[in-house]
Amino acid sequence: MLTIKCARCKRKLFKYEKIGTGRLLHLWPDRIKKDHSTHEDKKVKCRCGNVIGVDQGIWIKLRPQSFTYTGSYIRK
């Protein structure tokens, strides 16, 4: 499980189940366990106004500079 936080205000945004190694480029909606973000149109934002990513339907494409994460991934 990963805890994804806003890079600007350090508020928790997602609890996410990451499978496999590698960078976190996008989020699959079925692996998001808790969502504390706000969704305006297709933009995914923190409550402070920081844009975290864009909802593209099948996944949420993340902006790498706008979030930090801690936790461990599940091995394949």
PDB file of N, CA and C in Angstrom:
ATOM      1  N   MET A   1       0.837  -1.187   0.000  1.00  0.00           N
ATOM      2  CA  MET A   1       0.000   0.000   0.000  1.00  0.00           C
ATOM      3  C   MET A   1       0.877   1.245   0.000  1.00  0.00           C
ATOM      4  N   LEU A   2       0.514   2.198  -0.827  1.00  0.00           N
ATOM      5  CA  LEU A   2       1.193   3.479  -0.862  1.00  0.00           C
ATOM      6  C   LEU A   2       0.271   4.550  -0.314  1.00  0.00           C
ATOM      7  N   THR A   3       0.832   5.499   0.388  1.00  0.00           N
ATOM      8  CA  THR A   3       0.111   6.695   0.802  1.00  0.00           C
ATOM      9  C   THR A   3       0.631   7.826  -0.065  1.00  0.00           C
ATOM     10  N   ILE A   4      -0.244   8.388  -0.889  1.00  0.00           N
ATOM     11  CA  ILE A   4       0.130   9.465  -1.799  1.00  0.00           C
ATOM     12  C   ILE A   4      -0.307  10.779  -1.176  1.00  0.00           C
ATOM     13  N   LYS A   5       0.651  11.737  -1.077  1.00  0.00           N
ATOM     14  CA  LYS A   5       0.391  13.026  -0.433  1.00  0.00           C
ATOM     15  C   LYS A   5       0.683  14.158  -1.400  1.00  0.00           C
ATOM     16  N   CYS A   6       0.060  15.293  -1.142  1.00  0.00           N
ATOM     17  CA  CYS A   6       0.294  16.508  -1.919  1.00  0.00           C
ATOM     18  C   CYS A   6       1.706  17.019  -1.631  1.00  0.00           C
ATOM     19  N   ALA A   7       2.434  17.416  -2.663  1.00  0.00           N
ATOM     20  CA  ALA A   7       3.791  17.925  -2.475  1.00  0.00           C
ATOM     21  C   ALA A   7       3.786  19.330  -1.870  1.00  0.00           C
ATOM     22  N   ARG A   8       2.703  20.068  -2.052  1.00  0.00           N
ATOM     23  CA  ARG A   8       2.638  21.440  -1.544  1.00  0.00           C
ATOM     24  C   ARG A   8       2.244  21.495  -0.073  1.00  0.00           C
ATOM     25  N   CYS A   9       1.137  20.826   0.314  1.00  0.00           N
ATOM     26  CA  CYS A   9       0.630  20.974   1.684  1.00  0.00           C
ATOM     27  C   CYS A   9       0.755  19.698   2.525  1.00  0.00           C
ATOM     28  N   LYS A  10       1.232  18.605   1.939  1.00  0.00           N
ATOM     29  CA  LYS A  10       1.468  17.322   2.626  1.00  0.00           C
ATOM     30  C   LYS A  10       0.188  16.642   3.116  1.00  0.00           C
ATOM     31  N   ARG A  11      -0.968  16.981   2.549  1.00  0.00           N
ATOM     32  CA  ARG A  11      -2.238  16.362   2.910  1.00  0.00           C
ATOM     33  C   ARG A  11      -2.366  15.021   2.184  1.00  0.00           C
ATOM     34  N   LYS A  12      -2.937  14.017   2.859  1.00  0.00           N
ATOM     35  CA  LYS A  12      -3.126  12.705   2.241  1.00  0.00           C
ATOM     36  C   LYS A  12      -4.148  12.796   1.124  1.00  0.00           C
ATOM     37  N   LEU A  13      -3.827  12.170  -0.013  1.00  0.00           N
ATOM     38  CA  LEU A  13      -4.725  12.187  -1.163  1.00  0.00           C
ATOM     39  C   LEU A  13      -5.307  10.810  -1.463  1.00  0.00           C
ATOM     40  N   PHE A  14      -4.450   9.792  -1.500  1.00  0.00           N
ATOM     41  CA  PHE A  14      -4.893   8.451  -1.869  1.00  0.00           C
ATOM     42  C   PHE A  14      -4.214   7.401  -1.002  1.00  0.00           C
ATOM     43  N   LYS A  15      -4.907   6.285  -0.802  1.00  0.00           N
ATOM     44  CA  LYS A  15      -4.305   5.026  -0.369  1.00  0.00           C
ATOM     45  C   LYS A  15      -4.396   4.159  -1.611  1.00  0.00           C
ATOM     46  N   TYR A  16      -3.249   3.689  -2.112  1.00  0.00           N
ATOM     47  CA  TYR A  16      -3.201   3.023  -3.411  1.00  0.00           C
ATOM     48  C   TYR A  16      -2.445   1.715  -3.301  1.00  0.00           C
ATOM     49  N   GLU A  17      -2.965   0.688  -3.938  1.00  0.00           N
ATOM     50  CA  GLU A  17      -2.329  -0.628  -3.957  1.00  0.00           C
ATOM     51  C   GLU A  17      -1.463  -0.732  -5.208  1.00  0.00           C
ATOM     52  N   LYS A  18      -0.152  -0.558  -5.040  1.00  0.00           N
ATOM     53  CA  LYS A  18       0.795  -0.618  -6.164  1.00  0.00           C
ATOM     54  C   LYS A  18       1.285  -2.040  -6.332  1.00  0.00           C
ATOM     55  N   ILE A  19       1.234  -2.526  -7.562  1.00  0.00           N
ATOM     56  CA  ILE A  19       1.719  -3.868  -7.875  1.00  0.00           C
ATOM     57  C   ILE A  19       2.914  -3.734  -8.804  1.00  0.00           C
ATOM     58  N   GLY A  20       4.030  -4.337  -8.417  1.00  0.00           N
ATOM     59  CA  GLY A  20       5.236  -4.306  -9.229  1.00  0.00           C
ATOM     60  C   GLY A  20       6.119  -3.113  -8.903  1.00  0.00           C
ATOM     61  N   THR A  21       7.329  -3.171  -9.407  1.00  0.00           N
ATOM     62  CA  THR A  21       8.302  -2.105  -9.172  1.00  0.00           C
ATOM     63  C   THR A  21       8.161  -1.049 -10.254  1.00  0.00           C
ATOM     64  N   GLY A  22       8.889   0.013 -10.097  1.00  0.00           N
ATOM     65  CA  GLY A  22       8.869   1.073 -11.096  1.00  0.00           C
ATOM     66  C   GLY A  22       8.246   2.344 -10.558  1.00  0.00           C
ATOM     67  N   ARG A  23       8.296   3.366 -11.416  1.00  0.00           N
ATOM     68  CA  ARG A  23       7.769   4.670 -11.032  1.00  0.00           C
ATOM     69  C   ARG A  23       6.252   4.667 -11.026  1.00  0.00           C
ATOM     70  N   LEU A  24       5.692   5.606 -10.309  1.00  0.00           N
ATOM     71  CA  LEU A  24       4.246   5.775 -10.232  1.00  0.00           C
ATOM     72  C   LEU A  24       3.856   6.826 -11.271  1.00  0.00           C
ATOM     73  N   LEU A  25       3.350   6.370 -12.428  1.00  0.00           N
ATOM     74  CA  LEU A  25       3.000   7.270 -13.524  1.00  0.00           C
ATOM     75  C   LEU A  25       1.511   7.548 -13.597  1.00  0.00           C
ATOM     76  N   HIS A  26       0.703   6.553 -13.250  1.00  0.00           N
ATOM     77  CA  HIS A  26      -0.744   6.719 -13.259  1.00  0.00           C
ATOM     78  C   HIS A  26      -1.378   5.784 -12.231  1.00  0.00           C
ATOM     79  N   LEU A  27      -2.625   6.086 -11.885  1.00  0.00           N
ATOM     80  CA  LEU A  27      -3.356   5.305 -10.895  1.00  0.00           C
ATOM     81  C   LEU A  27      -4.521   4.591 -11.577  1.00  0.00           C
ATOM     82  N   TRP A  28      -4.631   3.297 -11.345  1.00  0.00           N
ATOM     83  CA  TRP A  28      -5.782   2.536 -11.809  1.00  0.00           C
ATOM     84  C   TRP A  28      -6.902   2.707 -10.793  1.00  0.00           C
ATOM     85  N   PRO A  29      -8.106   3.078 -11.211  1.00  0.00           N
ATOM     86  CA  PRO A  29      -9.207   3.347 -10.258  1.00  0.00           C
ATOM     87  C   PRO A  29      -9.578   2.157  -9.375  1.00  0.00           C
ATOM     88  N   ASP A  30      -9.461   0.947  -9.866  1.00  0.00           N
ATOM     89  CA  ASP A  30      -9.838  -0.207  -9.040  1.00  0.00           C
ATOM     90  C   ASP A  30      -8.814  -0.514  -7.954  1.00  0.00           C
ATOM     91  N   ARG A  31      -7.616   0.070  -8.014  1.00  0.00           N
ATOM     92  CA  ARG A  31      -6.598  -0.133  -6.983  1.00  0.00           C
ATOM     93  C   ARG A  31      -6.573   0.978  -5.941  1.00  0.00           C
ATOM     94  N   ILE A  32      -7.367   2.037  -6.147  1.00  0.00           N
ATOM     95  CA  ILE A  32      -7.461   3.121  -5.172  1.00  0.00           C
ATOM     96  C   ILE A  32      -8.373   2.661  -4.046  1.00  0.00           C
ATOM     97  N   LYS A  33      -7.842   2.590  -2.831  1.00  0.00           N
ATOM     98  CA  LYS A  33      -8.619   2.126  -1.680  1.00  0.00           C
ATOM     99  C   LYS A  33      -9.321   3.274  -0.971  1.00  0.00           C
ATOM    100  N   LYS A  34      -8.669   4.433  -0.858  1.00  0.00           N
ATOM    101  CA  LYS A  34      -9.287   5.627  -0.273  1.00  0.00           C
ATOM    102  C   LYS A  34      -8.912   6.823  -1.128  1.00  0.00           C
ATOM    103  N   ASP A  35      -9.878   7.684  -1.375  1.00  0.00           N
ATOM    104  CA  ASP A  35      -9.663   8.870  -2.203  1.00  0.00           C
ATOM    105  C   ASP A  35     -10.076  10.109  -1.412  1.00  0.00           C
ATOM    106  N   HIS A  36      -9.094  10.971  -1.090  1.00  0.00           N
ATOM    107  CA  HIS A  36      -9.363  12.200  -0.358  1.00  0.00           C
ATOM    108  C   HIS A  36      -9.188  13.424  -1.256  1.00  0.00           C
ATOM    109  N   SER A  37      -9.085  13.230  -2.565  1.00  0.00           N
ATOM    110  CA  SER A  37      -8.863  14.324  -3.499  1.00  0.00           C
ATOM    111  C   SER A  37     -10.203  14.888  -3.976  1.00  0.00           C
ATOM    112  N   THR A  38     -10.136  16.018  -4.684  1.00  0.00           N
ATOM    113  CA  THR A  38     -11.323  16.597  -5.301  1.00  0.00           C
ATOM    114  C   THR A  38     -11.185  16.472  -6.807  1.00  0.00           C
ATOM    115  N   HIS A  39     -12.306  16.238  -7.472  1.00  0.00           N
ATOM    116  CA  HIS A  39     -12.314  16.064  -8.925  1.00  0.00           C
ATOM    117  C   HIS A  39     -13.141  17.191  -9.534  1.00  0.00           C
ATOM    118  N   GLU A  40     -12.493  18.038 -10.333  1.00  0.00           N
ATOM    119  CA  GLU A  40     -13.168  19.119 -11.041  1.00  0.00           C
ATOM    120  C   GLU A  40     -12.978  18.881 -12.525  1.00  0.00           C
ATOM    121  N   ASP A  41     -14.077  18.641 -13.225  1.00  0.00           N
ATOM    122  CA  ASP A  41     -14.046  18.231 -14.631  1.00  0.00           C
ATOM    123  C   ASP A  41     -13.157  16.997 -14.741  1.00  0.00           C
ATOM    124  N   LYS A  42     -12.040  17.088 -15.449  1.00  0.00           N
ATOM    125  CA  LYS A  42     -11.133  15.943 -15.552  1.00  0.00           C
ATOM    126  C   LYS A  42      -9.894  16.125 -14.686  1.00  0.00           C
ATOM    127  N   LYS A  43      -9.767  17.253 -13.992  1.00  0.00           N
ATOM    128  CA  LYS A  43      -8.598  17.509 -13.149  1.00  0.00           C
ATOM    129  C   LYS A  43      -8.802  16.908 -11.771  1.00  0.00           C
ATOM    130  N   VAL A  44      -7.750  16.290 -11.241  1.00  0.00           N
ATOM    131  CA  VAL A  44      -7.736  15.755  -9.884  1.00  0.00           C
ATOM    132  C   VAL A  44      -6.872  16.698  -9.061  1.00  0.00           C
ATOM    133  N   LYS A  45      -7.485  17.278  -8.007  1.00  0.00           N
ATOM    134  CA  LYS A  45      -6.799  18.305  -7.224  1.00  0.00           C
ATOM    135  C   LYS A  45      -6.799  17.959  -5.746  1.00  0.00           C
ATOM    136  N   CYS A  46      -5.842  18.562  -5.052  1.00  0.00           N
ATOM    137  CA  CYS A  46      -5.829  18.565  -3.596  1.00  0.00           C
ATOM    138  C   CYS A  46      -6.742  19.698  -3.142  1.00  0.00           C
ATOM    139  N   ARG A  47      -7.103  19.708  -1.855  1.00  0.00           N
ATOM    140  CA  ARG A  47      -7.943  20.789  -1.339  1.00  0.00           C
ATOM    141  C   ARG A  47      -7.239  22.133  -1.355  1.00  0.00           C
ATOM    142  N   CYS A  48      -5.888  22.141  -1.412  1.00  0.00           N
ATOM    143  CA  CYS A  48      -5.146  23.395  -1.471  1.00  0.00           C
ATOM    144  C   CYS A  48      -5.111  23.990  -2.877  1.00  0.00           C
ATOM    145  N   GLY A  49      -5.617  23.254  -3.880  1.00  0.00           N
ATOM    146  CA  GLY A  49      -5.651  23.753  -5.248  1.00  0.00           C
ATOM    147  C   GLY A  49      -4.581  23.182  -6.151  1.00  0.00           C
ATOM    148  N   ASN A  50      -3.649  22.419  -5.606  1.00  0.00           N
ATOM    149  CA  ASN A  50      -2.577  21.810  -6.382  1.00  0.00           C
ATOM    150  C   ASN A  50      -3.160  20.731  -7.305  1.00  0.00           C
ATOM    151  N   VAL A  51      -2.870  20.812  -8.613  1.00  0.00           N
ATOM    152  CA  VAL A  51      -3.352  19.818  -9.571  1.00  0.00           C
ATOM    153  C   VAL A  51      -2.442  18.596  -9.496  1.00  0.00           C
ATOM    154  N   ILE A  52      -3.018  17.449  -9.144  1.00  0.00           N
ATOM    155  CA  ILE A  52      -2.263  16.210  -8.984  1.00  0.00           C
ATOM    156  C   ILE A  52      -2.172  15.450 -10.297  1.00  0.00           C
ATOM    157  N   GLY A  53      -3.253  15.461 -11.067  1.00  0.00           N
ATOM    158  CA  GLY A  53      -3.261  14.723 -12.319  1.00  0.00           C
ATOM    159  C   GLY A  53      -4.521  14.989 -13.109  1.00  0.00           C
ATOM    160  N   VAL A  54      -4.671  14.191 -14.188  1.00  0.00           N
ATOM    161  CA  VAL A  54      -5.814  14.314 -15.090  1.00  0.00           C
ATOM    162  C   VAL A  54      -6.483  12.957 -15.196  1.00  0.00           C
ATOM    163  N   ASP A  55      -7.795  12.917 -15.006  1.00  0.00           N
ATOM    164  CA  ASP A  55      -8.569  11.686 -15.128  1.00  0.00           C
ATOM    165  C   ASP A  55      -8.814  11.415 -16.605  1.00  0.00           C
ATOM    166  N   GLN A  56      -8.230  10.327 -17.112  1.00  0.00           N
ATOM    167  CA  GLN A  56      -8.358   9.989 -18.519  1.00  0.00           C
ATOM    168  C   GLN A  56      -9.295   8.807 -18.747  1.00  0.00           C
ATOM    169  N   GLY A  57     -10.159   8.533 -17.794  1.00  0.00           N
ATOM    170  CA  GLY A  57     -11.128   7.457 -17.946  1.00  0.00           C
ATOM    171  C   GLY A  57     -10.626   6.140 -17.415  1.00  0.00           C
ATOM    172  N   ILE A  58      -9.676   5.511 -18.116  1.00  0.00           N
ATOM    173  CA  ILE A  58      -9.184   4.206 -17.675  1.00  0.00           C
ATOM    174  C   ILE A  58      -8.174   4.327 -16.542  1.00  0.00           C
ATOM    175  N   TRP A  59      -7.531   5.492 -16.397  1.00  0.00           N
ATOM    176  CA  TRP A  59      -6.600   5.738 -15.307  1.00  0.00           C
ATOM    177  C   TRP A  59      -6.496   7.229 -15.030  1.00  0.00           C
ATOM    178  N   ILE A  60      -5.819   7.572 -13.932  1.00  0.00           N
ATOM    179  CA  ILE A  60      -5.524   8.963 -13.607  1.00  0.00           C
ATOM    180  C   ILE A  60      -4.052   9.184 -13.893  1.00  0.00           C
ATOM    181  N   LYS A  61      -3.747  10.008 -14.903  1.00  0.00           N
ATOM    182  CA  LYS A  61      -2.358  10.313 -15.264  1.00  0.00           C
ATOM    183  C   LYS A  61      -1.842  11.364 -14.297  1.00  0.00           C
ATOM    184  N   LEU A  62      -0.753  11.057 -13.603  1.00  0.00           N
ATOM    185  CA  LEU A  62      -0.216  11.906 -12.545  1.00  0.00           C
ATOM    186  C   LEU A  62       0.834  12.879 -13.056  1.00  0.00           C
ATOM    187  N   ARG A  63       0.937  14.025 -12.384  1.00  0.00           N
ATOM    188  CA  ARG A  63       2.014  14.980 -12.624  1.00  0.00           C
ATOM    189  C   ARG A  63       3.103  14.691 -11.599  1.00  0.00           C
ATOM    190  N   PRO A  64       4.295  14.272 -12.006  1.00  0.00           N
ATOM    191  CA  PRO A  64       5.323  13.801 -11.077  1.00  0.00           C
ATOM    192  C   PRO A  64       5.760  14.808 -10.010  1.00  0.00           C
ATOM    193  N   GLN A  65       5.727  16.113 -10.285  1.00  0.00           N
ATOM    194  CA  GLN A  65       6.197  17.107  -9.316  1.00  0.00           C
ATOM    195  C   GLN A  65       5.156  17.435  -8.260  1.00  0.00           C
ATOM    196  N   SER A  66       3.915  17.011  -8.436  1.00  0.00           N
ATOM    197  CA  SER A  66       2.838  17.494  -7.580  1.00  0.00           C
ATOM    198  C   SER A  66       2.490  16.574  -6.413  1.00  0.00           C
ATOM    199  N   PHE A  67       3.171  15.428  -6.269  1.00  0.00           N
ATOM    200  CA  PHE A  67       2.846  14.513  -5.181  1.00  0.00           C
ATOM    201  C   PHE A  67       4.101  13.812  -4.682  1.00  0.00           C
ATOM    202  N   THR A  68       4.001  13.271  -3.461  1.00  0.00           N
ATOM    203  CA  THR A  68       5.027  12.398  -2.899  1.00  0.00           C
ATOM    204  C   THR A  68       4.320  11.144  -2.407  1.00  0.00           C
ATOM    205  N   TYR A  69       5.077  10.061  -2.219  1.00  0.00           N
ATOM    206  CA  TYR A  69       4.444   8.851  -1.710  1.00  0.00           C
ATOM    207  C   TYR A  69       5.405   8.083  -0.821  1.00  0.00           C
ATOM    208  N   THR A  70       4.810   7.320   0.114  1.00  0.00           N
ATOM    209  CA  THR A  70       5.562   6.449   1.005  1.00  0.00           C
ATOM    210  C   THR A  70       4.835   5.118   1.053  1.00  0.00           C
ATOM    211  N   GLY A  71       5.544   4.093   1.434  1.00  0.00           N
ATOM    212  CA  GLY A  71       4.943   2.767   1.542  1.00  0.00           C
ATOM    213  C   GLY A  71       5.736   1.761   0.750  1.00  0.00           C
ATOM    214  N   SER A  72       5.135   0.591   0.549  1.00  0.00           N
ATOM    215  CA  SER A  72       5.806  -0.471  -0.178  1.00  0.00           C
ATOM    216  C   SER A  72       4.877  -1.011  -1.259  1.00  0.00           C
ATOM    217  N   TYR A  73       5.459  -1.637  -2.253  1.00  0.00           N
ATOM    218  CA  TYR A  73       4.704  -2.183  -3.360  1.00  0.00           C
ATOM    219  C   TYR A  73       4.550  -3.694  -3.182  1.00  0.00           C
ATOM    220  N   ILE A  74       3.613  -4.263  -3.913  1.00  0.00           N
ATOM    221  CA  ILE A  74       3.390  -5.703  -3.895  1.00  0.00           C
ATOM    222  C   ILE A  74       4.168  -6.311  -5.059  1.00  0.00           C
ATOM    223  N   ARG A  75       4.954  -7.342  -4.764  1.00  0.00           N
ATOM    224  CA  ARG A  75       5.730  -7.984  -5.825  1.00  0.00           C
ATOM    225  C   ARG A  75       4.837  -8.820  -6.703  1.00  0.00           C
ATOM    226  N   LYS A  76       5.185  -8.874  -7.982  1.00  0.00           N
ATOM    227  CA  LYS A  76       4.401  -9.666  -8.937  1.00  0.00           C
ATOM    228  C   LYS A  76       4.649 -11.142  -8.735  1.00  0.00           C
TER     229      LYS A  76
END
